[in-house]
């Protein structure tokens, strides 16, 4: 489970087993991370750059 808090102070738990793809993009003063899941579901979240870097690192360790 990947756990983090977005810029709206909402807590997220993403199940690794359901992920197909993750897209990171920079937007103005934040990062948008889009989690593409099974069944054509997409969960886009806005996070600060530090959180985006942590998520990228943790996802990279899954390989």
N, C-alpha and C. Protein backbone atom coordinates (compact mmCIF):
# COMPACT_ATOMS: atom_id res chain seq x y z
N UNK A 1 0.84 -1.18 0.00
CA UNK A 1 0.00 0.00 0.00
C UNK A 1 0.88 1.24 0.00
N UNK A 2 0.56 2.16 -0.86
CA UNK A 2 1.26 3.43 -0.94
C UNK A 2 0.38 4.45 -0.23
N UNK A 3 0.91 5.11 0.81
CA UNK A 3 0.12 6.06 1.60
C UNK A 3 0.75 7.44 1.52
N UNK A 4 -0.10 8.46 1.31
CA UNK A 4 0.37 9.83 1.25
C UNK A 4 -0.81 10.78 1.46
N UNK A 5 -0.49 12.05 1.66
CA UNK A 5 -1.50 13.10 1.83
C UNK A 5 -1.35 14.10 0.69
N UNK A 6 -2.47 14.49 0.08
CA UNK A 6 -2.42 15.44 -1.04
C UNK A 6 -2.45 16.88 -0.54
N UNK A 7 -2.47 17.83 -1.46
CA UNK A 7 -2.45 19.25 -1.10
C UNK A 7 -3.72 19.72 -0.41
N UNK A 8 -4.80 18.95 -0.52
CA UNK A 8 -6.05 19.27 0.18
C UNK A 8 -6.14 18.59 1.54
N UNK A 9 -5.02 18.02 1.96
CA UNK A 9 -4.92 17.32 3.25
C UNK A 9 -5.79 16.07 3.32
N UNK A 10 -6.06 15.48 2.14
CA UNK A 10 -6.79 14.22 2.08
C UNK A 10 -5.79 13.09 2.06
N UNK A 11 -6.05 12.05 2.82
CA UNK A 11 -5.15 10.90 2.88
C UNK A 11 -5.54 9.88 1.82
N UNK A 12 -4.54 9.32 1.15
CA UNK A 12 -4.76 8.33 0.10
C UNK A 12 -3.99 7.05 0.43
N UNK A 13 -4.58 5.93 0.10
CA UNK A 13 -3.93 4.62 0.18
C UNK A 13 -4.15 3.97 -1.19
N UNK A 14 -3.05 3.73 -1.90
CA UNK A 14 -3.12 3.15 -3.23
C UNK A 14 -2.59 1.72 -3.17
N UNK A 15 -3.38 0.78 -3.64
CA UNK A 15 -3.01 -0.63 -3.64
C UNK A 15 -2.09 -0.90 -4.84
N UNK A 16 -0.85 -1.29 -4.57
CA UNK A 16 0.12 -1.57 -5.63
C UNK A 16 -0.40 -2.61 -6.63
N UNK A 17 -1.13 -3.59 -6.14
CA UNK A 17 -1.57 -4.69 -7.00
C UNK A 17 -2.54 -4.23 -8.09
N UNK A 18 -3.18 -3.08 -7.90
CA UNK A 18 -4.17 -2.61 -8.87
C UNK A 18 -3.60 -1.62 -9.89
N UNK A 19 -2.34 -1.22 -9.72
CA UNK A 19 -1.74 -0.21 -10.60
C UNK A 19 -1.33 -0.79 -11.95
N UNK A 20 -1.65 -0.04 -13.01
CA UNK A 20 -1.17 -0.36 -14.35
C UNK A 20 -0.08 0.61 -14.78
N UNK A 21 -0.23 1.89 -14.39
CA UNK A 21 0.68 2.93 -14.84
C UNK A 21 0.56 4.12 -13.89
N UNK A 22 1.65 4.86 -13.72
CA UNK A 22 1.64 6.08 -12.93
C UNK A 22 2.33 7.18 -13.74
N UNK A 23 1.67 8.34 -13.83
CA UNK A 23 2.20 9.46 -14.61
C UNK A 23 2.48 10.62 -13.65
N UNK A 24 3.70 11.16 -13.74
CA UNK A 24 4.10 12.32 -12.94
C UNK A 24 4.22 13.51 -13.88
N UNK A 25 3.62 14.65 -13.50
CA UNK A 25 3.80 15.86 -14.29
C UNK A 25 3.81 17.07 -13.37
N UNK A 26 4.58 18.06 -13.79
CA UNK A 26 4.69 19.30 -13.02
C UNK A 26 3.62 20.27 -13.51
N UNK A 27 2.98 20.95 -12.57
CA UNK A 27 1.97 21.94 -12.92
C UNK A 27 2.11 23.12 -11.97
N UNK A 28 2.55 24.25 -12.52
CA UNK A 28 2.73 25.47 -11.73
C UNK A 28 3.60 25.19 -10.50
N UNK A 29 3.01 25.30 -9.31
CA UNK A 29 3.78 25.16 -8.07
C UNK A 29 3.57 23.81 -7.39
N UNK A 30 3.02 22.82 -8.12
CA UNK A 30 2.80 21.51 -7.52
C UNK A 30 3.09 20.42 -8.55
N UNK A 31 2.93 19.19 -8.13
CA UNK A 31 3.06 18.04 -9.02
C UNK A 31 1.72 17.32 -9.06
N UNK A 32 1.37 16.82 -10.23
CA UNK A 32 0.15 16.01 -10.36
C UNK A 32 0.60 14.59 -10.65
N UNK A 33 0.13 13.67 -9.83
CA UNK A 33 0.45 12.26 -9.99
C UNK A 33 -0.86 11.56 -10.35
N UNK A 34 -0.88 10.88 -11.50
CA UNK A 34 -2.08 10.17 -11.95
C UNK A 34 -1.84 8.68 -11.84
N UNK A 35 -2.64 8.03 -11.04
CA UNK A 35 -2.56 6.59 -10.84
C UNK A 35 -3.59 5.93 -11.75
N UNK A 36 -3.11 5.17 -12.73
CA UNK A 36 -3.99 4.45 -13.66
C UNK A 36 -4.16 3.03 -13.12
N UNK A 37 -5.41 2.66 -12.90
CA UNK A 37 -5.73 1.38 -12.26
C UNK A 37 -6.42 0.44 -13.24
N UNK A 38 -6.60 -0.79 -12.80
CA UNK A 38 -7.35 -1.76 -13.58
C UNK A 38 -8.78 -1.25 -13.78
N UNK A 39 -9.39 -1.60 -14.89
CA UNK A 39 -10.77 -1.22 -15.15
C UNK A 39 -10.92 0.22 -15.60
N UNK A 40 -9.88 0.80 -16.16
CA UNK A 40 -9.92 2.16 -16.72
C UNK A 40 -10.18 3.24 -15.67
N UNK A 41 -9.81 3.01 -14.44
CA UNK A 41 -9.95 4.01 -13.38
C UNK A 41 -8.66 4.82 -13.28
N UNK A 42 -8.80 6.13 -13.13
CA UNK A 42 -7.64 7.01 -12.96
C UNK A 42 -7.87 7.86 -11.72
N UNK A 43 -6.85 7.94 -10.88
CA UNK A 43 -6.91 8.77 -9.67
C UNK A 43 -5.81 9.83 -9.79
N UNK A 44 -6.18 11.06 -10.22
CA UNK A 44 -5.18 12.13 -10.27
C UNK A 44 -5.15 12.87 -8.94
N UNK A 45 -3.97 13.13 -8.41
CA UNK A 45 -3.83 13.85 -7.15
C UNK A 45 -2.76 14.93 -7.29
N UNK A 46 -2.98 16.04 -6.62
CA UNK A 46 -1.99 17.12 -6.58
C UNK A 46 -1.23 17.02 -5.27
N UNK A 47 0.09 17.00 -5.39
CA UNK A 47 0.95 16.89 -4.22
C UNK A 47 2.10 17.89 -4.34
N UNK A 48 2.78 18.13 -3.23
CA UNK A 48 3.96 19.00 -3.32
C UNK A 48 5.10 18.21 -3.96
N UNK A 49 6.13 18.91 -4.36
CA UNK A 49 7.23 18.25 -5.08
C UNK A 49 7.98 17.23 -4.23
N UNK A 50 8.08 17.49 -2.93
CA UNK A 50 8.76 16.54 -2.04
C UNK A 50 7.99 15.22 -1.99
N UNK A 51 6.67 15.30 -1.88
CA UNK A 51 5.85 14.09 -1.85
C UNK A 51 5.94 13.36 -3.19
N UNK A 52 5.92 14.10 -4.30
CA UNK A 52 6.04 13.48 -5.62
C UNK A 52 7.36 12.72 -5.75
N UNK A 53 8.43 13.31 -5.27
CA UNK A 53 9.73 12.63 -5.33
C UNK A 53 9.74 11.37 -4.47
N UNK A 54 9.10 11.44 -3.30
CA UNK A 54 9.03 10.25 -2.44
C UNK A 54 8.21 9.15 -3.11
N UNK A 55 7.07 9.51 -3.71
CA UNK A 55 6.24 8.52 -4.39
C UNK A 55 7.00 7.88 -5.55
N UNK A 56 7.71 8.72 -6.31
CA UNK A 56 8.49 8.21 -7.44
C UNK A 56 9.54 7.22 -6.96
N UNK A 57 10.20 7.54 -5.87
CA UNK A 57 11.22 6.65 -5.32
C UNK A 57 10.62 5.33 -4.83
N UNK A 58 9.51 5.42 -4.09
CA UNK A 58 8.87 4.21 -3.57
C UNK A 58 8.34 3.32 -4.71
N UNK A 59 7.79 3.93 -5.74
CA UNK A 59 7.30 3.15 -6.88
C UNK A 59 8.46 2.51 -7.64
N UNK A 60 9.57 3.22 -7.72
CA UNK A 60 10.76 2.68 -8.39
C UNK A 60 11.33 1.47 -7.68
N UNK A 61 11.17 1.44 -6.37
CA UNK A 61 11.66 0.30 -5.59
C UNK A 61 10.81 -0.94 -5.78
N UNK A 62 9.62 -0.78 -6.36
CA UNK A 62 8.74 -1.93 -6.60
C UNK A 62 9.26 -2.82 -7.70
N UNK A 63 10.05 -2.27 -8.63
CA UNK A 63 10.49 -3.02 -9.81
C UNK A 63 11.18 -4.27 -9.47
